[in-house]
Amino acid sequence: MNSKAFFKRLIPFLGAFSLGIFIASFFVTIGGQSYRGHGKRGCDKRQTRIELQRLRQENLELQTQLNEMRMSAAHRDRDGIRTLSSEEILVEAPLAPPPPPAIPHNHR
């Protein structure tokens, strides 16, 4: 292919692409987001991480409690005491978690 014909096609493409990027930069941020944890976002991420760790620990404790109740029910069954059905084993479950917070929007 002739190099002159190649540049005739490349120059308009690059011009249109550059113009499109320039116009788009007025409406969206061209650079990627910074995830360094500065300011409020970093604090929110830290709080979310702490809450997630707390919920995992609570979940583990509830699983352990449920397993202990099941094991004690099975042990009682071997000794001639009636077995509790799964409906009779009531574990006080916490309320449903609140909905996630709204995503903050950057207002300029």
PDB file of N, CA and C in Angstrom:
ATOM      1  N   MET A   1       0.846  -1.172   0.000  1.00  0.00           N
ATOM      2  CA  MET A   1       0.000   0.000   0.000  1.00  0.00           C
ATOM      3  C   MET A   1       0.886   1.226   0.000  1.00  0.00           C
ATOM      4  N   ASN A   2       0.502   2.190  -0.721  1.00  0.00           N
ATOM      5  CA  ASN A   2       1.255   3.419  -0.851  1.00  0.00           C
ATOM      6  C   ASN A   2       1.225   4.171   0.481  1.00  0.00           C
ATOM      7  N   SER A   3       2.388   4.656   0.912  1.00  0.00           N
ATOM      8  CA  SER A   3       2.447   5.346   2.198  1.00  0.00           C
ATOM      9  C   SER A   3       1.665   6.658   2.169  1.00  0.00           C
ATOM     10  N   LYS A   4       1.575   7.297   1.011  1.00  0.00           N
ATOM     11  CA  LYS A   4       0.816   8.543   0.910  1.00  0.00           C
ATOM     12  C   LYS A   4      -0.677   8.266   1.133  1.00  0.00           C
ATOM     13  N   ALA A   5      -1.187   7.186   0.566  1.00  0.00           N
ATOM     14  CA  ALA A   5      -2.597   6.821   0.751  1.00  0.00           C
ATOM     15  C   ALA A   5      -2.854   6.435   2.209  1.00  0.00           C
ATOM     16  N   PHE A   6      -1.880   5.786   2.836  1.00  0.00           N
ATOM     17  CA  PHE A   6      -2.021   5.407   4.242  1.00  0.00           C
ATOM     18  C   PHE A   6      -2.173   6.648   5.116  1.00  0.00           C
ATOM     19  N   PHE A   7      -1.334   7.655   4.900  1.00  0.00           N
ATOM     20  CA  PHE A   7      -1.417   8.879   5.692  1.00  0.00           C
ATOM     21  C   PHE A   7      -2.680   9.666   5.390  1.00  0.00           C
ATOM     22  N   LYS A   8      -3.193   9.569   4.164  1.00  0.00           N
ATOM     23  CA  LYS A   8      -4.443  10.245   3.830  1.00  0.00           C
ATOM     24  C   LYS A   8      -5.599   9.672   4.649  1.00  0.00           C
ATOM     25  N   ARG A   9      -5.517   8.401   4.990  1.00  0.00           N
ATOM     26  CA  ARG A   9      -6.570   7.782   5.800  1.00  0.00           C
ATOM     27  C   ARG A   9      -6.287   7.927   7.304  1.00  0.00           C
ATOM     28  N   LEU A  10      -5.025   7.934   7.670  1.00  0.00           N
ATOM     29  CA  LEU A  10      -4.660   7.988   9.077  1.00  0.00           C
ATOM     30  C   LEU A  10      -4.883   9.376   9.674  1.00  0.00           C
ATOM     31  N   ILE A  11      -4.513  10.419   8.954  1.00  0.00           N
ATOM     32  CA  ILE A  11      -4.613  11.785   9.475  1.00  0.00           C
ATOM     33  C   ILE A  11      -6.062  12.140   9.828  1.00  0.00           C
ATOM     34  N   PRO A  12      -7.059  11.929   8.964  1.00  0.00           N
ATOM     35  CA  PRO A  12      -8.439  12.253   9.362  1.00  0.00           C
ATOM     36  C   PRO A  12      -8.927  11.409  10.552  1.00  0.00           C
ATOM     37  N   PHE A  13      -8.510  10.146  10.598  1.00  0.00           N
ATOM     38  CA  PHE A  13      -8.910   9.302  11.722  1.00  0.00           C
ATOM     39  C   PHE A  13      -8.353   9.856  13.031  1.00  0.00           C
ATOM     40  N   LEU A  14      -7.061  10.160  13.058  1.00  0.00           N
ATOM     41  CA  LEU A  14      -6.455  10.690  14.279  1.00  0.00           C
ATOM     42  C   LEU A  14      -7.060  12.033  14.660  1.00  0.00           C
ATOM     43  N   GLY A  15      -7.352  12.857  13.676  1.00  0.00           N
ATOM     44  CA  GLY A  15      -7.986  14.149  13.957  1.00  0.00           C
ATOM     45  C   GLY A  15      -9.364  13.974  14.576  1.00  0.00           C
ATOM     46  N   ALA A  16     -10.177  13.098  13.995  1.00  0.00           N
ATOM     47  CA  ALA A  16     -11.519  12.865  14.526  1.00  0.00           C
ATOM     48  C   ALA A  16     -11.452  12.220  15.916  1.00  0.00           C
ATOM     49  N   PHE A  17     -10.533  11.298  16.105  1.00  0.00           N
ATOM     50  CA  PHE A  17     -10.380  10.644  17.401  1.00  0.00           C
ATOM     51  C   PHE A  17      -9.964  11.656  18.471  1.00  0.00           C
ATOM     52  N   SER A  18      -9.003  12.514  18.140  1.00  0.00           N
ATOM     53  CA  SER A  18      -8.537  13.530  19.088  1.00  0.00           C
ATOM     54  C   SER A  18      -9.653  14.503  19.431  1.00  0.00           C
ATOM     55  N   LEU A  19     -10.411  14.918  18.428  1.00  0.00           N
ATOM     56  CA  LEU A  19     -11.523  15.835  18.659  1.00  0.00           C
ATOM     57  C   LEU A  19     -12.587  15.165  19.541  1.00  0.00           C
ATOM     58  N   GLY A  20     -12.856  13.906  19.308  1.00  0.00           N
ATOM     59  CA  GLY A  20     -13.828  13.181  20.128  1.00  0.00           C
ATOM     60  C   GLY A  20     -13.388  13.064  21.575  1.00  0.00           C
ATOM     61  N   ILE A  21     -12.121  12.774  21.798  1.00  0.00           N
ATOM     62  CA  ILE A  21     -11.589  12.699  23.163  1.00  0.00           C
ATOM     63  C   ILE A  21     -11.656  14.064  23.831  1.00  0.00           C
ATOM     64  N   PHE A  22     -11.341  15.108  23.099  1.00  0.00           N
ATOM     65  CA  PHE A  22     -11.381  16.469  23.641  1.00  0.00           C
ATOM     66  C   PHE A  22     -12.799  16.826  24.070  1.00  0.00           C
ATOM     67  N   ILE A  23     -13.777  16.541  23.227  1.00  0.00           N
ATOM     68  CA  ILE A  23     -15.166  16.866  23.562  1.00  0.00           C
ATOM     69  C   ILE A  23     -15.649  15.998  24.725  1.00  0.00           C
ATOM     70  N   ALA A  24     -15.276  14.730  24.734  1.00  0.00           N
ATOM     71  CA  ALA A  24     -15.697  13.838  25.821  1.00  0.00           C
ATOM     72  C   ALA A  24     -15.096  14.257  27.156  1.00  0.00           C
ATOM     73  N   SER A  25     -13.936  14.893  27.144  1.00  0.00           N
ATOM     74  CA  SER A  25     -13.291  15.287  28.395  1.00  0.00           C
ATOM     75  C   SER A  25     -14.086  16.345  29.146  1.00  0.00           C
ATOM     76  N   PHE A  26     -15.002  17.041  28.471  1.00  0.00           N
ATOM     77  CA  PHE A  26     -15.848  18.009  29.155  1.00  0.00           C
ATOM     78  C   PHE A  26     -16.924  17.315  29.985  1.00  0.00           C
ATOM     79  N   PHE A  27     -17.296  16.105  29.625  1.00  0.00           N
ATOM     80  CA  PHE A  27     -18.405  15.420  30.271  1.00  0.00           C
ATOM     81  C   PHE A  27     -17.976  14.313  31.227  1.00  0.00           C
ATOM     82  N   VAL A  28     -16.852  13.689  30.994  1.00  0.00           N
ATOM     83  CA  VAL A  28     -16.372  12.612  31.855  1.00  0.00           C
ATOM     84  C   VAL A  28     -14.895  12.832  32.151  1.00  0.00           C
ATOM     85  N   THR A  29     -14.445  12.199  33.216  1.00  0.00           N
ATOM     86  CA  THR A  29     -13.035  12.263  33.559  1.00  0.00           C
ATOM     87  C   THR A  29     -12.288  11.246  32.703  1.00  0.00           C
ATOM     88  N   ILE A  30     -11.280  11.709  32.008  1.00  0.00           N
ATOM     89  CA  ILE A  30     -10.518  10.822  31.135  1.00  0.00           C
ATOM     90  C   ILE A  30      -9.607   9.915  31.956  1.00  0.00           C
ATOM     91  N   GLY A  31      -8.974  10.452  32.991  1.00  0.00           N
ATOM     92  CA  GLY A  31      -8.074   9.662  33.833  1.00  0.00           C
ATOM     93  C   GLY A  31      -8.851   8.700  34.700  1.00  0.00           C
ATOM     94  N   GLY A  32      -8.207   7.634  35.110  1.00  0.00           N
ATOM     95  CA  GLY A  32      -8.840   6.651  35.977  1.00  0.00           C
ATOM     96  C   GLY A  32      -9.013   7.195  37.382  1.00  0.00           C
ATOM     97  N   GLN A  33      -9.830   6.511  38.177  1.00  0.00           N
ATOM     98  CA  GLN A  33     -10.047   6.924  39.544  1.00  0.00           C
ATOM     99  C   GLN A  33      -8.833   6.566  40.386  1.00  0.00           C
ATOM    100  N   SER A  34      -8.605   7.367  41.394  1.00  0.00           N
ATOM    101  CA  SER A  34      -7.506   7.111  42.308  1.00  0.00           C
ATOM    102  C   SER A  34      -8.031   6.304  43.489  1.00  0.00           C
ATOM    103  N   TYR A  35      -7.455   5.141  43.746  1.00  0.00           N
ATOM    104  CA  TYR A  35      -7.876   4.282  44.843  1.00  0.00           C
ATOM    105  C   TYR A  35      -6.835   4.280  45.953  1.00  0.00           C
ATOM    106  N   ARG A  36      -6.286   5.398  46.239  1.00  0.00           N
ATOM    107  CA  ARG A  36      -5.241   5.459  47.260  1.00  0.00           C
ATOM    108  C   ARG A  36      -5.816   5.560  48.668  1.00  0.00           C
ATOM    109  N   GLY A  37      -7.119   5.772  48.773  1.00  0.00           N
ATOM    110  CA  GLY A  37      -7.731   5.826  50.093  1.00  0.00           C
ATOM    111  C   GLY A  37      -7.591   7.175  50.757  1.00  0.00           C
ATOM    112  N   HIS A  38      -7.606   8.242  49.998  1.00  0.00           N
ATOM    113  CA  HIS A  38      -7.501   9.573  50.566  1.00  0.00           C
ATOM    114  C   HIS A  38      -8.869  10.058  51.006  1.00  0.00           C
ATOM    115  N   GLY A  39      -8.890  10.820  52.068  1.00  0.00           N
ATOM    116  CA  GLY A  39     -10.099  11.511  52.474  1.00  0.00           C
ATOM    117  C   GLY A  39     -11.221  10.588  52.900  1.00  0.00           C
ATOM    118  N   LYS A  40     -12.427  10.994  52.542  1.00  0.00           N
ATOM    119  CA  LYS A  40     -13.631  10.298  52.975  1.00  0.00           C
ATOM    120  C   LYS A  40     -13.715   8.882  52.418  1.00  0.00           C
ATOM    121  N   ARG A  41     -13.298   8.689  51.177  1.00  0.00           N
ATOM    122  CA  ARG A  41     -13.380   7.358  50.569  1.00  0.00           C
ATOM    123  C   ARG A  41     -12.531   6.350  51.330  1.00  0.00           C
ATOM    124  N   GLY A  42     -11.346   6.772  51.749  1.00  0.00           N
ATOM    125  CA  GLY A  42     -10.476   5.870  52.497  1.00  0.00           C
ATOM    126  C   GLY A  42     -11.082   5.489  53.831  1.00  0.00           C
ATOM    127  N   CYS A  43     -11.703   6.457  54.482  1.00  0.00           N
ATOM    128  CA  CYS A  43     -12.358   6.194  55.762  1.00  0.00           C
ATOM    129  C   CYS A  43     -13.536   5.253  55.563  1.00  0.00           C
ATOM    130  N   ASP A  44     -14.314   5.477  54.508  1.00  0.00           N
ATOM    131  CA  ASP A  44     -15.451   4.602  54.210  1.00  0.00           C
ATOM    132  C   ASP A  44     -14.982   3.186  53.921  1.00  0.00           C
ATOM    133  N   LYS A  45     -13.900   3.050  53.169  1.00  0.00           N
ATOM    134  CA  LYS A  45     -13.384   1.716  52.856  1.00  0.00           C
ATOM    135  C   LYS A  45     -12.919   1.017  54.130  1.00  0.00           C
ATOM    136  N   ARG A  46     -12.276   1.774  55.009  1.00  0.00           N
ATOM    137  CA  ARG A  46     -11.801   1.207  56.265  1.00  0.00           C
ATOM    138  C   ARG A  46     -12.982   0.753  57.127  1.00  0.00           C
ATOM    139  N   GLN A  47     -14.019   1.613  57.225  1.00  0.00           N
ATOM    140  CA  GLN A  47     -15.199   1.252  58.011  1.00  0.00           C
ATOM    141  C   GLN A  47     -15.896   0.036  57.421  1.00  0.00           C
ATOM    142  N   THR A  48     -15.986  -0.014  56.102  1.00  0.00           N
ATOM    143  CA  THR A  48     -16.617  -1.153  55.441  1.00  0.00           C
ATOM    144  C   THR A  48     -15.831  -2.424  55.716  1.00  0.00           C
ATOM    145  N   ARG A  49     -14.512  -2.331  55.675  1.00  0.00           N
ATOM    146  CA  ARG A  49     -13.668  -3.495  55.940  1.00  0.00           C
ATOM    147  C   ARG A  49     -13.839  -3.974  57.384  1.00  0.00           C
ATOM    148  N   ILE A  50     -13.914  -3.030  58.330  1.00  0.00           N
ATOM    149  CA  ILE A  50     -14.097  -3.384  59.738  1.00  0.00           C
ATOM    150  C   ILE A  50     -15.466  -4.020  59.943  1.00  0.00           C
ATOM    151  N   GLU A  51     -16.500  -3.436  59.318  1.00  0.00           N
ATOM    152  CA  GLU A  51     -17.847  -3.989  59.454  1.00  0.00           C
ATOM    153  C   GLU A  51     -17.934  -5.384  58.837  1.00  0.00           C
ATOM    154  N   LEU A  52     -17.294  -5.571  57.696  1.00  0.00           N
ATOM    155  CA  LEU A  52     -17.286  -6.885  57.053  1.00  0.00           C
ATOM    156  C   LEU A  52     -16.612  -7.917  57.952  1.00  0.00           C
ATOM    157  N   GLN A  53     -15.506  -7.531  58.567  1.00  0.00           N
ATOM    158  CA  GLN A  53     -14.808  -8.447  59.469  1.00  0.00           C
ATOM    159  C   GLN A  53     -15.689  -8.789  60.673  1.00  0.00           C
ATOM    160  N   ARG A  54     -16.402  -7.783  61.216  1.00  0.00           N
ATOM    161  CA  ARG A  54     -17.294  -8.017  62.351  1.00  0.00           C
ATOM    162  C   ARG A  54     -18.436  -8.955  61.961  1.00  0.00           C
ATOM    163  N   LEU A  55     -19.009  -8.741  60.772  1.00  0.00           N
ATOM    164  CA  LEU A  55     -20.105  -9.592  60.315  1.00  0.00           C
ATOM    165  C   LEU A  55     -19.645 -11.025  60.068  1.00  0.00           C
ATOM    166  N   ARG A  56     -18.434 -11.186  59.548  1.00  0.00           N
ATOM    167  CA  ARG A  56     -17.904 -12.535  59.352  1.00  0.00           C
ATOM    168  C   ARG A  56     -17.716 -13.246  60.690  1.00  0.00           C
ATOM    169  N   GLN A  57     -17.216 -12.510  61.681  1.00  0.00           N
ATOM    170  CA  GLN A  57     -17.026 -13.095  63.009  1.00  0.00           C
ATOM    171  C   GLN A  57     -18.374 -13.472  63.617  1.00  0.00           C
ATOM    172  N   GLU A  58     -19.363 -12.592  63.477  1.00  0.00           N
ATOM    173  CA  GLU A  58     -20.701 -12.877  63.998  1.00  0.00           C
ATOM    174  C   GLU A  58     -21.313 -14.090  63.293  1.00  0.00           C
ATOM    175  N   ASN A  59     -21.114 -14.183  61.987  1.00  0.00           N
ATOM    176  CA  ASN A  59     -21.617 -15.322  61.227  1.00  0.00           C
ATOM    177  C   ASN A  59     -20.968 -16.614  61.712  1.00  0.00           C
ATOM    178  N   LEU A  60     -19.672 -16.577  61.945  1.00  0.00           N
ATOM    179  CA  LEU A  60     -18.959 -17.753  62.443  1.00  0.00           C
ATOM    180  C   LEU A  60     -19.482 -18.173  63.814  1.00  0.00           C
ATOM    181  N   GLU A  61     -19.730 -17.189  64.692  1.00  0.00           N
ATOM    182  CA  GLU A  61     -20.263 -17.499  66.017  1.00  0.00           C
ATOM    183  C   GLU A  61     -21.650 -18.123  65.919  1.00  0.00           C
ATOM    184  N   LEU A  62     -22.492 -17.604  65.032  1.00  0.00           N
ATOM    185  CA  LEU A  62     -23.835 -18.157  64.863  1.00  0.00           C
ATOM    186  C   LEU A  62     -23.785 -19.573  64.293  1.00  0.00           C
ATOM    187  N   GLN A  63     -22.872 -19.803  63.352  1.00  0.00           N
ATOM    188  CA  GLN A  63     -22.717 -21.153  62.804  1.00  0.00           C
ATOM    189  C   GLN A  63     -22.271 -22.126  63.897  1.00  0.00           C
ATOM    190  N   THR A  64     -21.347 -21.689  64.728  1.00  0.00           N
ATOM    191  CA  THR A  64     -20.864 -22.526  65.825  1.00  0.00           C
ATOM    192  C   THR A  64     -21.994 -22.829  66.802  1.00  0.00           C
ATOM    193  N   GLN A  65     -22.778 -21.799  67.132  1.00  0.00           N
ATOM    194  CA  GLN A  65     -23.903 -21.981  68.047  1.00  0.00           C
ATOM    195  C   GLN A  65     -24.918 -22.968  67.470  1.00  0.00           C
ATOM    196  N   LEU A  66     -25.217 -22.847  66.188  1.00  0.00           N
ATOM    197  CA  LEU A  66     -26.164 -23.753  65.540  1.00  0.00           C
ATOM    198  C   LEU A  66     -25.632 -25.187  65.531  1.00  0.00           C
ATOM    199  N   ASN A  67     -24.357 -25.349  65.227  1.00  0.00           N
ATOM    200  CA  ASN A  67     -23.758 -26.693  65.229  1.00  0.00           C
ATOM    201  C   ASN A  67     -23.783 -27.315  66.623  1.00  0.00           C
ATOM    202  N   GLU A  68     -23.523 -26.495  67.656  1.00  0.00           N
ATOM    203  CA  GLU A  68     -23.570 -27.002  69.026  1.00  0.00           C
ATOM    204  C   GLU A  68     -24.977 -27.455  69.385  1.00  0.00           C
ATOM    205  N   MET A  69     -25.983 -26.692  68.951  1.00  0.00           N
ATOM    206  CA  MET A  69     -27.369 -27.069  69.235  1.00  0.00           C
ATOM    207  C   MET A  69     -27.729 -28.367  68.518  1.00  0.00           C
ATOM    208  N   ARG A  70     -27.272 -28.512  67.299  1.00  0.00           N
ATOM    209  CA  ARG A  70     -27.547 -29.744  66.552  1.00  0.00           C
ATOM    210  C   ARG A  70     -26.852 -30.942  67.204  1.00  0.00           C
ATOM    211  N   MET A  71     -25.613 -30.745  67.636  1.00  0.00           N
ATOM    212  CA  MET A  71     -24.871 -31.837  68.269  1.00  0.00           C
ATOM    213  C   MET A  71     -25.516 -32.229  69.597  1.00  0.00           C
ATOM    214  N   SER A  72     -25.956 -31.250  70.377  1.00  0.00           N
ATOM    215  CA  SER A  72     -26.589 -31.577  71.655  1.00  0.00           C
ATOM    216  C   SER A  72     -27.920 -32.279  71.420  1.00  0.00           C
ATOM    217  N   ALA A  73     -28.649 -31.912  70.354  1.00  0.00           N
ATOM    218  CA  ALA A  73     -29.909 -32.589  70.030  1.00  0.00           C
ATOM    219  C   ALA A  73     -29.631 -34.028  69.613  1.00  0.00           C
ATOM    220  N   ALA A  74     -28.598 -34.252  68.840  1.00  0.00           N
ATOM    221  CA  ALA A  74     -28.241 -35.609  68.422  1.00  0.00           C
ATOM    222  C   ALA A  74     -27.772 -36.430  69.620  1.00  0.00           C
ATOM    223  N   HIS A  75     -27.050 -35.812  70.546  1.00  0.00           N
ATOM    224  CA  HIS A  75     -26.570 -36.509  71.742  1.00  0.00           C
ATOM    225  C   HIS A  75     -27.751 -36.922  72.615  1.00  0.00           C
ATOM    226  N   ARG A  76     -28.740 -36.042  72.769  1.00  0.00           N
ATOM    227  CA  ARG A  76     -29.927 -36.361  73.557  1.00  0.00           C
ATOM    228  C   ARG A  76     -30.701 -37.511  72.923  1.00  0.00           C
ATOM    229  N   ASP A  77     -30.689 -37.586  71.586  1.00  0.00           N
ATOM    230  CA  ASP A  77     -31.410 -38.648  70.891  1.00  0.00           C
ATOM    231  C   ASP A  77     -30.795 -40.008  71.216  1.00  0.00           C
ATOM    232  N   ARG A  78     -29.484 -40.077  71.331  1.00  0.00           N
ATOM    233  CA  ARG A  78     -28.813 -41.343  71.656  1.00  0.00           C
ATOM    234  C   ARG A  78     -29.145 -41.806  73.065  1.00  0.00           C
ATOM    235  N   ASP A  79     -29.394 -40.850  73.962  1.00  0.00           N
ATOM    236  CA  ASP A  79     -29.682 -41.197  75.354  1.00  0.00           C
ATOM    237  C   ASP A  79     -31.156 -41.523  75.584  1.00  0.00           C
ATOM    238  N   GLY A  80     -31.954 -41.555  74.525  1.00  0.00           N
ATOM    239  CA  GLY A  80     -33.359 -41.901  74.673  1.00  0.00           C
ATOM    240  C   GLY A  80     -34.275 -40.707  74.822  1.00  0.00           C
ATOM    241  N   ILE A  81     -33.743 -39.541  74.715  1.00  0.00           N
ATOM    242  CA  ILE A  81     -34.577 -38.340  74.786  1.00  0.00           C
ATOM    243  C   ILE A  81     -34.973 -37.980  73.365  1.00  0.00           C
ATOM    244  N   ARG A  82     -36.183 -37.469  73.180  1.00  0.00           N
ATOM    245  CA  ARG A  82     -36.662 -37.190  71.828  1.00  0.00           C
ATOM    246  C   ARG A  82     -35.779 -36.169  71.121  1.00  0.00           C
ATOM    247  N   THR A  83     -35.738 -36.287  69.811  1.00  0.00           N
ATOM    248  CA  THR A  83     -34.930 -35.406  68.982  1.00  0.00           C
ATOM    249  C   THR A  83     -35.722 -34.156  68.632  1.00  0.00           C
ATOM    250  N   LEU A  84     -35.062 -33.046  68.680  1.00  0.00           N
ATOM    251  CA  LEU A  84     -35.703 -31.798  68.272  1.00  0.00           C
ATOM    252  C   LEU A  84     -35.672 -31.698  66.756  1.00  0.00           C
ATOM    253  N   SER A  85     -36.792 -31.298  66.189  1.00  0.00           N
ATOM    254  CA  SER A  85     -36.814 -31.105  64.739  1.00  0.00           C
ATOM    255  C   SER A  85     -36.166 -29.769  64.410  1.00  0.00           C
ATOM    256  N   SER A  86     -35.888 -29.577  63.138  1.00  0.00           N
ATOM    257  CA  SER A  86     -35.227 -28.326  62.737  1.00  0.00           C
ATOM    258  C   SER A  86     -36.124 -27.124  62.983  1.00  0.00           C
ATOM    259  N   GLU A  87     -37.468 -27.330  62.997  1.00  0.00           N
ATOM    260  CA  GLU A  87     -38.374 -26.216  63.286  1.00  0.00           C
ATOM    261  C   GLU A  87     -38.332 -25.842  64.763  1.00  0.00           C
ATOM    262  N   GLU A  88     -38.018 -26.824  65.608  1.00  0.00           N
ATOM    263  CA  GLU A  88     -37.990 -26.563  67.039  1.00  0.00           C
ATOM    264  C   GLU A  88     -36.691 -25.889  67.480  1.00  0.00           C
ATOM    265  N   ILE A  89     -35.657 -26.052  66.699  1.00  0.00           N
ATOM    266  CA  ILE A  89     -34.392 -25.398  67.026  1.00  0.00           C
ATOM    267  C   ILE A  89     -34.465 -23.989  66.467  1.00  0.00           C
ATOM    268  N   LEU A  90     -34.725 -23.070  67.342  1.00  0.00           N
ATOM    269  CA  LEU A  90     -34.853 -21.682  66.913  1.00  0.00           C
ATOM    270  C   LEU A  90     -33.591 -20.930  67.301  1.00  0.00           C
ATOM    271  N   VAL A  91     -33.007 -20.318  66.337  1.00  0.00           N
ATOM    272  CA  VAL A  91     -31.841 -19.481  66.573  1.00  0.00           C
ATOM    273  C   VAL A  91     -32.292 -18.059  66.322  1.00  0.00           C
ATOM    274  N   GLU A  92     -32.083 -17.226  67.301  1.00  0.00           N
ATOM    275  CA  GLU A  92     -32.500 -15.838  67.156  1.00  0.00           C
ATOM    276  C   GLU A  92     -31.618 -15.176  66.106  1.00  0.00           C
ATOM    277  N   ALA A  93     -32.209 -14.942  64.959  1.00  0.00           N
ATOM    278  CA  ALA A  93     -31.464 -14.355  63.844  1.00  0.00           C
ATOM    279  C   ALA A  93     -31.581 -12.835  63.904  1.00  0.00           C
ATOM    280  N   PRO A  94     -30.521 -12.144  63.567  1.00  0.00           N
ATOM    281  CA  PRO A  94     -30.595 -10.685  63.547  1.00  0.00           C
ATOM    282  C   PRO A  94     -31.490 -10.219  62.400  1.00  0.00           C
ATOM    283  N   LEU A  95     -31.899  -8.978  62.496  1.00  0.00           N
ATOM    284  CA  LEU A  95     -32.725  -8.400  61.440  1.00  0.00           C
ATOM    285  C   LEU A  95     -31.959  -8.370  60.132  1.00  0.00           C
ATOM    286  N   ALA A  96     -32.708  -8.225  59.060  1.00  0.00           N
ATOM    287  CA  ALA A  96     -32.076  -8.137  57.738  1.00  0.00           C
ATOM    288  C   ALA A  96     -31.151  -6.924  57.709  1.00  0.00           C
ATOM    289  N   PRO A  97     -30.042  -7.022  57.006  1.00  0.00           N
ATOM    290  CA  PRO A  97     -29.112  -5.893  56.960  1.00  0.00           C
ATOM    291  C   PRO A  97     -29.746  -4.718  56.229  1.00  0.00           C
ATOM    292  N   PRO A  98     -29.360  -3.512  56.601  1.00  0.00           N
ATOM    293  CA  PRO A  98     -29.918  -2.345  55.921  1.00  0.00           C
ATOM    294  C   PRO A  98     -29.435  -2.302  54.480  1.00  0.00           C
ATOM    295  N   PRO A  99     -30.161  -1.594  53.628  1.00  0.00           N
ATOM    296  CA  PRO A  99     -29.724  -1.496  52.236  1.00  0.00           C
ATOM    297  C   PRO A  99     -28.394  -0.754  52.161  1.00  0.00           C
ATOM    298  N   PRO A 100     -27.609  -1.027  51.133  1.00  0.00           N
ATOM    299  CA  PRO A 100     -26.318  -0.349  51.020  1.00  0.00           C
ATOM    300  C   PRO A 100     -26.522   1.151  50.826  1.00  0.00           C
ATOM    301  N   PRO A 101     -25.586   1.952  51.313  1.00  0.00           N
ATOM    302  CA  PRO A 101     -25.724   3.398  51.153  1.00  0.00           C
ATOM    303  C   PRO A 101     -25.630   3.786  49.685  1.00  0.00           C
ATOM    304  N   ALA A 102     -26.223   4.921  49.383  1.00  0.00           N
ATOM    305  CA  ALA A 102     -26.197   5.412  48.009  1.00  0.00           C
ATOM    306  C   ALA A 102     -24.770   5.764  47.615  1.00  0.00           C
ATOM    307  N   ILE A 103     -24.477   5.594  46.357  1.00  0.00           N
ATOM    308  CA  ILE A 103     -23.146   5.905  45.842  1.00  0.00           C
ATOM    309  C   ILE A 103     -22.994   7.420  45.797  1.00  0.00           C
ATOM    310  N   PRO A 104     -21.955   7.958  46.442  1.00  0.00           N
ATOM    311  CA  PRO A 104     -21.775   9.413  46.404  1.00  0.00           C
ATOM    312  C   PRO A 104     -21.393   9.865  45.001  1.00  0.00           C
ATOM    313  N   HIS A 105     -21.962  10.980  44.611  1.00  0.00           N
ATOM    314  CA  HIS A 105     -21.668  11.546  43.303  1.00  0.00           C
ATOM    315  C   HIS A 105     -20.798  12.780  43.488  1.00  0.00           C
ATOM    316  N   ASN A 106     -19.835  12.927  42.632  1.00  0.00           N
ATOM    317  CA  ASN A 106     -18.974  14.100  42.669  1.00  0.00           C
ATOM    318  C   ASN A 106     -19.662  15.227  41.921  1.00  0.00           C
ATOM    319  N   HIS A 107     -20.041  16.258  42.659  1.00  0.00           N
ATOM    320  CA  HIS A 107     -20.665  17.417  42.027  1.00  0.00           C
ATOM    321  C   HIS A 107     -19.589  18.458  41.792  1.00  0.00           C
ATOM    322  N   ARG A 108     -19.594  18.955  40.610  1.00  0.00           N
ATOM    323  CA  ARG A 108     -18.576  19.959  40.282  1.00  0.00           C
ATOM    324  C   ARG A 108     -19.141  21.345  40.350  1.00  0.00           C
TER     325      ARG A 108
END
